[in-house]
Amino acid sequence: MRTSARRSTAAFTLIELMIVVAIVGILAMLATYGVRKYISQSKAAEATNSLGNMANAAVAVYESNETNPNTSVLALGSTLGFDHVMCKGASAMVPSSKTLIQGRKYQSSWADWTTDAAGDSGFACLKFTMDQPQYYMYGYTTKGSASPGDTFTCIANGDLSGDGILSTYSITGAINSSYILNVAPNIYEVDSDE
């Protein structure tokens, strides 16, 4: 009799086993969600870092003293003022289609970033390129280039889940009344989990 009593107290009941399985299932589900969220955030770091670099490049180009391009020859003994001018907008995004980054990486080429060969517009003016595979499609637009109120916007669109819905990250800058190019302190995000 004592032997059977010991056996019944040492074993698990079916209900206890089901509770343990349910707890393990819930923990596994939470861990999977956390890992997916972490991977998504690490991929989004590409967009935020790249947009920060683009905005810094836009300010650097604007702040560099560029002479007026309409002046071809400077007469002896004369002076010439400096103009602050933003890079003009890029003619195309890199890559050119959202299907190229839909749930996968895109390896851009040097030609993708230098389509605006004039040198005063786009990524060529910003001297911005990416040589590593990218998850996001990048763009650079402007409204005006040298007057107070003129703006630039750096954009990154991504589709990490491959469902056709784009996430968007952007940062803007504007020339103020003192002709200083100010950049927004934060990157604007829309559907960052896509």
Foldseek 3Di string as FASTA:
>chain_A
DVVVVVVVVVDDDPVVVVVVVVVVVVVVVVVVVVVLVVVLVVQCVVVVVQQVLLVVLQQVQQPDFDFDPVDDDDDPPDDGHTARWGAAWDPAKVVRDQLQLQQHWDADDPCSQCVPVVCRHGNSVSVDDDRDTHNWIWTKHWDGIGAFFTKIKIKTWGNNPNPPDIKIKMWMWGQHNVRRIGIDPDIDIDPSSD
